[in-house]
Amino acid sequence: MAALPFCIVPFIWLIILGLIGLWIWMLVDCIKREEEDFPPMGDNTKLIWILIVALTGWIGAIIYFFMVKQKMSKSSS
Protein backbone atom coordinates (compact mmCIF):
# COMPACT_ATOMS: atom_id res chain seq x y z
CA MET A 1 0.00 0.00 0.00
CA ALA A 2 2.92 2.35 0.69
CA ALA A 3 4.28 1.83 -2.84
CA LEU A 4 1.15 3.27 -4.44
CA PRO A 5 2.21 6.95 -4.19
CA PHE A 6 5.53 6.12 -5.82
CA CYS A 7 3.67 4.70 -8.82
CA ILE A 8 1.45 7.74 -9.16
CA VAL A 9 4.21 10.39 -8.93
CA PRO A 10 5.76 9.70 -12.39
CA PHE A 11 2.29 9.69 -13.94
CA ILE A 12 1.50 13.06 -12.38
CA TRP A 13 4.81 14.47 -13.62
CA LEU A 14 4.05 13.26 -17.15
CA ILE A 15 0.68 15.02 -17.04
CA ILE A 16 2.26 18.24 -15.76
CA LEU A 17 4.98 18.17 -18.43
CA GLY A 18 2.38 17.46 -21.11
CA LEU A 19 0.26 20.42 -20.02
CA ILE A 20 3.29 22.72 -19.96
CA GLY A 21 4.26 21.48 -23.43
CA LEU A 22 0.72 22.09 -24.70
CA TRP A 23 0.77 25.60 -23.23
CA ILE A 24 4.11 26.46 -24.91
CA TRP A 25 2.98 24.93 -28.24
CA MET A 26 -0.28 26.92 -28.27
CA LEU A 27 1.45 30.15 -27.22
CA VAL A 28 4.00 29.81 -30.03
CA ASP A 29 1.24 28.94 -32.51
CA CYS A 30 -0.76 31.97 -31.43
CA ILE A 31 2.22 34.31 -31.78
CA LYS A 32 3.20 32.94 -35.22
CA ARG A 33 -0.34 32.90 -36.65
CA GLU A 34 -1.33 35.83 -38.88
CA GLU A 35 -4.10 38.18 -37.74
CA GLU A 36 -6.28 37.10 -40.68
CA ASP A 37 -6.11 33.45 -39.60
CA PHE A 38 -8.09 34.05 -36.40
CA PRO A 39 -11.87 33.81 -36.35
CA PRO A 40 -13.37 37.30 -36.62
CA MET A 41 -14.09 38.66 -33.14
CA GLY A 42 -13.29 42.33 -33.63
CA ASP A 43 -10.17 44.44 -33.30
CA ASN A 44 -6.95 43.05 -31.83
CA THR A 45 -8.09 39.42 -31.94
CA LYS A 46 -4.52 38.12 -32.03
CA LEU A 47 -3.50 40.20 -29.01
CA ILE A 48 -6.55 39.03 -27.07
CA TRP A 49 -5.75 35.37 -27.78
CA ILE A 50 -2.09 35.83 -26.85
CA LEU A 51 -3.15 37.33 -23.52
CA ILE A 52 -5.69 34.57 -22.90
CA VAL A 53 -3.16 31.81 -23.55
CA ALA A 54 -0.30 33.53 -21.69
CA LEU A 55 -2.24 34.54 -18.60
CA THR A 56 -4.47 31.51 -18.09
CA GLY A 57 -1.81 28.85 -18.64
CA TRP A 58 -2.82 25.38 -19.73
CA ILE A 59 -6.54 26.12 -19.42
CA GLY A 60 -6.20 28.95 -21.96
CA ALA A 61 -4.11 26.66 -24.16
CA ILE A 62 -6.89 24.06 -24.22
CA ILE A 63 -9.48 26.75 -24.99
CA TYR A 64 -7.27 28.14 -27.79
CA PHE A 65 -6.74 24.65 -29.21
CA PHE A 66 -10.46 23.93 -29.55
CA MET A 67 -11.65 27.42 -30.50
CA VAL A 68 -8.92 28.53 -32.92
CA LYS A 69 -6.32 25.95 -33.87
CA GLN A 70 -8.59 23.00 -34.50
CA LYS A 71 -11.24 25.04 -36.33
CA MET A 72 -8.66 26.79 -38.49
CA SER A 73 -6.90 23.55 -39.42
CA LYS A 74 -10.25 22.00 -40.42
CA SER A 75 -11.24 24.98 -42.57
CA SER A 76 -7.88 25.04 -44.41
CA SER A 77 -8.16 21.32 -45.32
PDB file of N, CA and C in Angstrom:
ATOM      1  N   MET A   1       0.813  -1.191   0.000  1.00  0.00           N
ATOM      2  CA  MET A   1       0.000   0.000   0.000  1.00  0.00           C
ATOM      3  C   MET A   1       0.861   1.262   0.000  1.00  0.00           C
ATOM      4  N   ALA A   2       2.034   1.185   0.619  1.00  0.00           N
ATOM      5  CA  ALA A   2       2.918   2.348   0.689  1.00  0.00           C
ATOM      6  C   ALA A   2       3.585   2.628  -0.653  1.00  0.00           C
ATOM      7  N   ALA A   3       3.646   1.639  -1.535  1.00  0.00           N
ATOM      8  CA  ALA A   3       4.282   1.828  -2.837  1.00  0.00           C
ATOM      9  C   ALA A   3       3.365   2.545  -3.827  1.00  0.00           C
ATOM     10  N   LEU A   4       2.103   2.649  -3.517  1.00  0.00           N
ATOM     11  CA  LEU A   4       1.155   3.268  -4.439  1.00  0.00           C
ATOM     12  C   LEU A   4       1.502   4.717  -4.773  1.00  0.00           C
ATOM     13  N   PRO A   5       1.854   5.573  -3.816  1.00  0.00           N
ATOM     14  CA  PRO A   5       2.210   6.945  -4.187  1.00  0.00           C
ATOM     15  C   PRO A   5       3.425   7.028  -5.103  1.00  0.00           C
ATOM     16  N   PHE A   6       4.358   6.097  -4.964  1.00  0.00           N
ATOM     17  CA  PHE A   6       5.533   6.121  -5.823  1.00  0.00           C
ATOM     18  C   PHE A   6       5.196   5.759  -7.265  1.00  0.00           C
ATOM     19  N   CYS A   7       4.119   5.029  -7.473  1.00  0.00           N
ATOM     20  CA  CYS A   7       3.674   4.696  -8.821  1.00  0.00           C
ATOM     21  C   CYS A   7       2.923   5.859  -9.459  1.00  0.00           C
ATOM     22  N   ILE A   8       2.269   6.648  -8.653  1.00  0.00           N
ATOM     23  CA  ILE A   8       1.452   7.744  -9.160  1.00  0.00           C
ATOM     24  C   ILE A   8       2.301   8.969  -9.496  1.00  0.00           C
ATOM     25  N   VAL A   9       3.391   9.182  -8.761  1.00  0.00           N
ATOM     26  CA  VAL A   9       4.210  10.385  -8.932  1.00  0.00           C
ATOM     27  C   VAL A   9       4.732  10.536 -10.365  1.00  0.00           C
ATOM     28  N   PRO A  10       5.308   9.523 -10.999  1.00  0.00           N
ATOM     29  CA  PRO A  10       5.756   9.704 -12.390  1.00  0.00           C
ATOM     30  C   PRO A  10       4.601  10.009 -13.340  1.00  0.00           C
ATOM     31  N   PHE A  11       3.455   9.419 -13.098  1.00  0.00           N
ATOM     32  CA  PHE A  11       2.291   9.685 -13.940  1.00  0.00           C
ATOM     33  C   PHE A  11       1.848  11.138 -13.813  1.00  0.00           C
ATOM     34  N   ILE A  12       1.866  11.648 -12.602  1.00  0.00           N
ATOM     35  CA  ILE A  12       1.495  13.057 -12.383  1.00  0.00           C
ATOM     36  C   ILE A  12       2.508  13.978 -13.055  1.00  0.00           C
ATOM     37  N   TRP A  13       3.793  13.663 -12.962  1.00  0.00           N
ATOM     38  CA  TRP A  13       4.812  14.473 -13.618  1.00  0.00           C
ATOM     39  C   TRP A  13       4.652  14.465 -15.135  1.00  0.00           C
ATOM     40  N   LEU A  14       4.284  13.325 -15.703  1.00  0.00           N
ATOM     41  CA  LEU A  14       4.049  13.265 -17.147  1.00  0.00           C
ATOM     42  C   LEU A  14       2.875  14.148 -17.549  1.00  0.00           C
ATOM     43  N   ILE A  15       1.831  14.160 -16.757  1.00  0.00           N
ATOM     44  CA  ILE A  15       0.679  15.021 -17.037  1.00  0.00           C
ATOM     45  C   ILE A  15       1.078  16.487 -16.953  1.00  0.00           C
ATOM     46  N   ILE A  16       1.819  16.846 -15.923  1.00  0.00           N
ATOM     47  CA  ILE A  16       2.257  18.237 -15.759  1.00  0.00           C
ATOM     48  C   ILE A  16       3.144  18.665 -16.921  1.00  0.00           C
ATOM     49  N   LEU A  17       4.102  17.840 -17.296  1.00  0.00           N
ATOM     50  CA  LEU A  17       4.981  18.169 -18.430  1.00  0.00           C
ATOM     51  C   LEU A  17       4.198  18.258 -19.737  1.00  0.00           C
ATOM     52  N   GLY A  18       3.215  17.399 -19.910  1.00  0.00           N
ATOM     53  CA  GLY A  18       2.377  17.459 -21.106  1.00  0.00           C
ATOM     54  C   GLY A  18       1.570  18.744 -21.174  1.00  0.00           C
ATOM     55  N   LEU A  19       1.030  19.173 -20.052  1.00  0.00           N
ATOM     56  CA  LEU A  19       0.256  20.421 -20.023  1.00  0.00           C
ATOM     57  C   LEU A  19       1.146  21.634 -20.259  1.00  0.00           C
ATOM     58  N   ILE A  20       2.358  21.620 -19.709  1.00  0.00           N
ATOM     59  CA  ILE A  20       3.295  22.717 -19.964  1.00  0.00           C
ATOM     60  C   ILE A  20       3.691  22.741 -21.434  1.00  0.00           C
ATOM     61  N   GLY A  21       3.937  21.557 -22.009  1.00  0.00           N
ATOM     62  CA  GLY A  21       4.262  21.478 -23.435  1.00  0.00           C
ATOM     63  C   GLY A  21       3.129  21.972 -24.304  1.00  0.00           C
ATOM     64  N   LEU A  22       1.884  21.611 -23.959  1.00  0.00           N
ATOM     65  CA  LEU A  22       0.723  22.090 -24.700  1.00  0.00           C
ATOM     66  C   LEU A  22       0.620  23.607 -24.613  1.00  0.00           C
ATOM     67  N   TRP A  23       0.851  24.164 -23.430  1.00  0.00           N
ATOM     68  CA  TRP A  23       0.771  25.604 -23.234  1.00  0.00           C
ATOM     69  C   TRP A  23       1.808  26.338 -24.099  1.00  0.00           C
ATOM     70  N   ILE A  24       3.047  25.834 -24.101  1.00  0.00           N
ATOM     71  CA  ILE A  24       4.106  26.460 -24.909  1.00  0.00           C
ATOM     72  C   ILE A  24       3.791  26.335 -26.390  1.00  0.00           C
ATOM     73  N   TRP A  25       3.312  25.165 -26.831  1.00  0.00           N
ATOM     74  CA  TRP A  25       2.983  24.930 -28.235  1.00  0.00           C
ATOM     75  C   TRP A  25       1.877  25.883 -28.699  1.00  0.00           C
ATOM     76  N   MET A  26       0.834  26.047 -27.892  1.00  0.00           N
ATOM     77  CA  MET A  26      -0.278  26.917 -28.270  1.00  0.00           C
ATOM     78  C   MET A  26       0.127  28.389 -28.223  1.00  0.00           C
ATOM     79  N   LEU A  27       0.987  28.765 -27.288  1.00  0.00           N
ATOM     80  CA  LEU A  27       1.451  30.148 -27.225  1.00  0.00           C
ATOM     81  C   LEU A  27       2.293  30.486 -28.442  1.00  0.00           C
ATOM     82  N   VAL A  28       3.182  29.600 -28.826  1.00  0.00           N
ATOM     83  CA  VAL A  28       4.005  29.813 -30.026  1.00  0.00           C
ATOM     84  C   VAL A  28       3.126  29.851 -31.270  1.00  0.00           C
ATOM     85  N   ASP A  29       2.152  28.951 -31.370  1.00  0.00           N
ATOM     86  CA  ASP A  29       1.240  28.939 -32.512  1.00  0.00           C
ATOM     87  C   ASP A  29       0.458  30.251 -32.592  1.00  0.00           C
ATOM     88  N   CYS A  30       0.013  30.733 -31.465  1.00  0.00           N
ATOM     89  CA  CYS A  30      -0.764  31.969 -31.428  1.00  0.00           C
ATOM     90  C   CYS A  30       0.091  33.162 -31.853  1.00  0.00           C
ATOM     91  N   ILE A  31       1.333  33.200 -31.428  1.00  0.00           N
ATOM     92  CA  ILE A  31       2.225  34.306 -31.782  1.00  0.00           C
ATOM     93  C   ILE A  31       2.573  34.262 -33.262  1.00  0.00           C
ATOM     94  N   LYS A  32       2.799  33.073 -33.814  1.00  0.00           N
ATOM     95  CA  LYS A  32       3.196  32.937 -35.219  1.00  0.00           C
ATOM     96  C   LYS A  32       2.037  33.130 -36.195  1.00  0.00           C
ATOM     97  N   ARG A  33       0.827  32.852 -35.774  1.00  0.00           N
ATOM     98  CA  ARG A  33      -0.341  32.898 -36.652  1.00  0.00           C
ATOM     99  C   ARG A  33      -0.620  34.337 -37.094  1.00  0.00           C
ATOM    100  N   GLU A  34      -0.991  34.506 -38.350  1.00  0.00           N
ATOM    101  CA  GLU A  34      -1.331  35.826 -38.884  1.00  0.00           C
ATOM    102  C   GLU A  34      -2.674  36.298 -38.329  1.00  0.00           C
ATOM    103  N   GLU A  35      -2.856  37.598 -38.261  1.00  0.00           N
ATOM    104  CA  GLU A  35      -4.099  38.184 -37.737  1.00  0.00           C
ATOM    105  C   GLU A  35      -5.324  37.713 -38.530  1.00  0.00           C
ATOM    106  N   GLU A  36      -5.161  37.520 -39.825  1.00  0.00           N
ATOM    107  CA  GLU A  36      -6.277  37.104 -40.675  1.00  0.00           C
ATOM    108  C   GLU A  36      -6.699  35.653 -40.435  1.00  0.00           C
ATOM    109  N   ASP A  37      -5.818  34.868 -39.821  1.00  0.00           N
ATOM    110  CA  ASP A  37      -6.110  33.451 -39.595  1.00  0.00           C
ATOM    111  C   ASP A  37      -6.992  33.188 -38.380  1.00  0.00           C
ATOM    112  N   PHE A  38      -7.239  34.212 -37.578  1.00  0.00           N
ATOM    113  CA  PHE A  38      -8.086  34.054 -36.399  1.00  0.00           C
ATOM    114  C   PHE A  38      -9.550  34.235 -36.789  1.00  0.00           C
ATOM    115  N   PRO A  39     -10.451  33.572 -36.082  1.00  0.00           N
ATOM    116  CA  PRO A  39     -11.867  33.807 -36.353  1.00  0.00           C
ATOM    117  C   PRO A  39     -12.223  35.261 -36.033  1.00  0.00           C
ATOM    118  N   PRO A  40     -13.076  35.876 -36.835  1.00  0.00           N
ATOM    119  CA  PRO A  40     -13.374  37.300 -36.622  1.00  0.00           C
ATOM    120  C   PRO A  40     -14.110  37.530 -35.300  1.00  0.00           C
ATOM    121  N   MET A  41     -13.482  38.309 -34.422  1.00  0.00           N
ATOM    122  CA  MET A  41     -14.091  38.665 -33.142  1.00  0.00           C
ATOM    123  C   MET A  41     -14.062  40.166 -32.922  1.00  0.00           C
ATOM    124  N   GLY A  42     -13.413  40.891 -33.808  1.00  0.00           N
ATOM    125  CA  GLY A  42     -13.294  42.332 -33.634  1.00  0.00           C
ATOM    126  C   GLY A  42     -11.837  42.745 -33.761  1.00  0.00           C
ATOM    127  N   ASP A  43     -11.533  43.920 -33.232  1.00  0.00           N
ATOM    128  CA  ASP A  43     -10.172  44.443 -33.304  1.00  0.00           C
ATOM    129  C   ASP A  43      -9.263  43.714 -32.327  1.00  0.00           C
ATOM    130  N   ASN A  44      -7.997  43.620 -32.683  1.00  0.00           N
ATOM    131  CA  ASN A  44      -6.951  43.050 -31.829  1.00  0.00           C
ATOM    132  C   ASN A  44      -7.231  41.606 -31.393  1.00  0.00           C
ATOM    133  N   THR A  45      -7.767  40.813 -32.269  1.00  0.00           N
ATOM    134  CA  THR A  45      -8.085  39.422 -31.936  1.00  0.00           C
ATOM    135  C   THR A  45      -6.829  38.644 -31.565  1.00  0.00           C
ATOM    136  N   LYS A  46      -5.756  38.844 -32.311  1.00  0.00           N
ATOM    137  CA  LYS A  46      -4.521  38.117 -32.033  1.00  0.00           C
ATOM    138  C   LYS A  46      -3.990  38.485 -30.647  1.00  0.00           C
ATOM    139  N   LEU A  47      -3.976  39.759 -30.317  1.00  0.00           N
ATOM    140  CA  LEU A  47      -3.501  40.195 -29.010  1.00  0.00           C
ATOM    141  C   LEU A  47      -4.359  39.623 -27.885  1.00  0.00           C
ATOM    142  N   ILE A  48      -5.645  39.591 -28.081  1.00  0.00           N
ATOM    143  CA  ILE A  48      -6.551  39.032 -27.073  1.00  0.00           C
ATOM    144  C   ILE A  48      -6.243  37.552 -26.846  1.00  0.00           C
ATOM    145  N   TRP A  49      -6.046  36.792 -27.934  1.00  0.00           N
ATOM    146  CA  TRP A  49      -5.753  35.371 -27.784  1.00  0.00           C
ATOM    147  C   TRP A  49      -4.388  35.139 -27.143  1.00  0.00           C
ATOM    148  N   ILE A  50      -3.399  35.961 -27.482  1.00  0.00           N
ATOM    149  CA  ILE A  50      -2.088  35.827 -26.846  1.00  0.00           C
ATOM    150  C   ILE A  50      -2.214  36.050 -25.343  1.00  0.00           C
ATOM    151  N   LEU A  51      -2.961  37.065 -24.946  1.00  0.00           N
ATOM    152  CA  LEU A  51      -3.150  37.334 -23.517  1.00  0.00           C
ATOM    153  C   LEU A  51      -3.911  36.205 -22.828  1.00  0.00           C
ATOM    154  N   ILE A  52      -4.930  35.678 -23.492  1.00  0.00           N
ATOM    155  CA  ILE A  52      -5.690  34.571 -22.901  1.00  0.00           C
ATOM    156  C   ILE A  52      -4.793  33.375 -22.665  1.00  0.00           C
ATOM    157  N   VAL A  53      -4.018  32.992 -23.676  1.00  0.00           N
ATOM    158  CA  VAL A  53      -3.159  31.811 -23.547  1.00  0.00           C
ATOM    159  C   VAL A  53      -2.034  32.066 -22.534  1.00  0.00           C
ATOM    160  N   ALA A  54      -1.429  33.245 -22.579  1.00  0.00           N
ATOM    161  CA  ALA A  54      -0.299  33.528 -21.692  1.00  0.00           C
ATOM    162  C   ALA A  54      -0.725  33.643 -20.230  1.00  0.00           C
ATOM    163  N   LEU A  55      -1.855  34.267 -19.981  1.00  0.00           N
ATOM    164  CA  LEU A  55      -2.240  34.542 -18.601  1.00  0.00           C
ATOM    165  C   LEU A  55      -3.034  33.429 -17.930  1.00  0.00           C
ATOM    166  N   THR A  56      -3.670  32.572 -18.705  1.00  0.00           N
ATOM    167  CA  THR A  56      -4.470  31.509 -18.091  1.00  0.00           C
ATOM    168  C   THR A  56      -3.784  30.155 -18.110  1.00  0.00           C
ATOM    169  N   GLY A  57      -2.583  30.091 -18.676  1.00  0.00           N
ATOM    170  CA  GLY A  57      -1.807  28.850 -18.644  1.00  0.00           C
ATOM    171  C   GLY A  57      -2.419  27.753 -19.490  1.00  0.00           C
ATOM    172  N   TRP A  58      -2.393  26.532 -18.944  1.00  0.00           N
ATOM    173  CA  TRP A  58      -2.824  25.376 -19.732  1.00  0.00           C
ATOM    174  C   TRP A  58      -4.319  25.385 -20.005  1.00  0.00           C
ATOM    175  N   ILE A  59      -5.105  26.034 -19.159  1.00  0.00           N
ATOM    176  CA  ILE A  59      -6.543  26.117 -19.419  1.00  0.00           C
ATOM    177  C   ILE A  59      -6.788  26.965 -20.668  1.00  0.00           C
ATOM    178  N   GLY A  60      -6.098  28.100 -20.767  1.00  0.00           N
ATOM    179  CA  GLY A  60      -6.200  28.948 -21.958  1.00  0.00           C
ATOM    180  C   GLY A  60      -5.688  28.250 -23.201  1.00  0.00           C
ATOM    181  N   ALA A  61      -4.654  27.409 -23.025  1.00  0.00           N
ATOM    182  CA  ALA A  61      -4.115  26.665 -24.163  1.00  0.00           C
ATOM    183  C   ALA A  61      -5.135  25.666 -24.692  1.00  0.00           C
ATOM    184  N   ILE A  62      -5.854  25.011 -23.797  1.00  0.00           N
ATOM    185  CA  ILE A  62      -6.890  24.062 -24.224  1.00  0.00           C
ATOM    186  C   ILE A  62      -8.028  24.807 -24.918  1.00  0.00           C
ATOM    187  N   ILE A  63      -8.427  25.941 -24.365  1.00  0.00           N
ATOM    188  CA  ILE A  63      -9.479  26.750 -24.992  1.00  0.00           C
ATOM    189  C   ILE A  63      -9.041  27.201 -26.378  1.00  0.00           C
ATOM    190  N   TYR A  64      -7.805  27.691 -26.499  1.00  0.00           N
ATOM    191  CA  TYR A  64      -7.271  28.136 -27.792  1.00  0.00           C
ATOM    192  C   TYR A  64      -7.246  26.973 -28.785  1.00  0.00           C
ATOM    193  N   PHE A  65      -6.825  25.800 -28.324  1.00  0.00           N
ATOM    194  CA  PHE A  65      -6.740  24.649 -29.212  1.00  0.00           C
ATOM    195  C   PHE A  65      -8.097  24.334 -29.836  1.00  0.00           C
ATOM    196  N   PHE A  66      -9.144  24.305 -29.026  1.00  0.00           N
ATOM    197  CA  PHE A  66     -10.456  23.928 -29.545  1.00  0.00           C
ATOM    198  C   PHE A  66     -11.174  25.073 -30.266  1.00  0.00           C
ATOM    199  N   MET A  67     -10.918  26.309 -29.891  1.00  0.00           N
ATOM    200  CA  MET A  67     -11.646  27.422 -30.501  1.00  0.00           C
ATOM    201  C   MET A  67     -10.956  28.006 -31.718  1.00  0.00           C
ATOM    202  N   VAL A  68      -9.640  27.906 -31.807  1.00  0.00           N
ATOM    203  CA  VAL A  68      -8.924  28.525 -32.922  1.00  0.00           C
ATOM    204  C   VAL A  68      -8.142  27.494 -33.733  1.00  0.00           C
ATOM    205  N   LYS A  69      -7.207  26.823 -33.116  1.00  0.00           N
ATOM    206  CA  LYS A  69      -6.318  25.953 -33.870  1.00  0.00           C
ATOM    207  C   LYS A  69      -7.037  24.827 -34.583  1.00  0.00           C
ATOM    208  N   GLN A  70      -7.900  24.128 -33.890  1.00  0.00           N
ATOM    209  CA  GLN A  70      -8.593  22.999 -34.498  1.00  0.00           C
ATOM    210  C   GLN A  70      -9.562  23.468 -35.583  1.00  0.00           C
ATOM    211  N   LYS A  71     -10.290  24.541 -35.335  1.00  0.00           N
ATOM    212  CA  LYS A  71     -11.240  25.038 -36.334  1.00  0.00           C
ATOM    213  C   LYS A  71     -10.518  25.576 -37.558  1.00  0.00           C
ATOM    214  N   MET A  72      -9.382  26.239 -37.364  1.00  0.00           N
ATOM    215  CA  MET A  72      -8.655  26.791 -38.490  1.00  0.00           C
ATOM    216  C   MET A  72      -7.992  25.683 -39.312  1.00  0.00           C
ATOM    217  N   SER A  73      -7.525  24.632 -38.659  1.00  0.00           N
ATOM    218  CA  SER A  73      -6.897  23.548 -39.417  1.00  0.00           C
ATOM    219  C   SER A  73      -7.951  22.764 -40.208  1.00  0.00           C
ATOM    220  N   LYS A  74      -9.179  22.674 -39.697  1.00  0.00           N
ATOM    221  CA  LYS A  74     -10.250  21.997 -40.424  1.00  0.00           C
ATOM    222  C   LYS A  74     -10.690  22.824 -41.629  1.00  0.00           C
ATOM    223  N   SER A  75     -10.757  24.144 -41.477  1.00  0.00           N
ATOM    224  CA  SER A  75     -11.236  24.982 -42.571  1.00  0.00           C
ATOM    225  C   SER A  75     -10.199  25.113 -43.678  1.00  0.00           C
ATOM    226  N   SER A  76      -8.900  24.938 -43.367  1.00  0.00           N
ATOM    227  CA  SER A  76      -7.881  25.036 -44.406  1.00  0.00           C
ATOM    228  C   SER A  76      -7.725  23.726 -45.165  1.00  0.00           C
ATOM    229  N   SER A  77      -8.275  22.624 -44.649  1.00  0.00           N
ATOM    230  CA  SER A  77      -8.163  21.321 -45.321  1.00  0.00           C
ATOM    231  C   SER A  77      -9.132  21.195 -46.444  1.00  0.00           C
TER     232      SER A  77
END
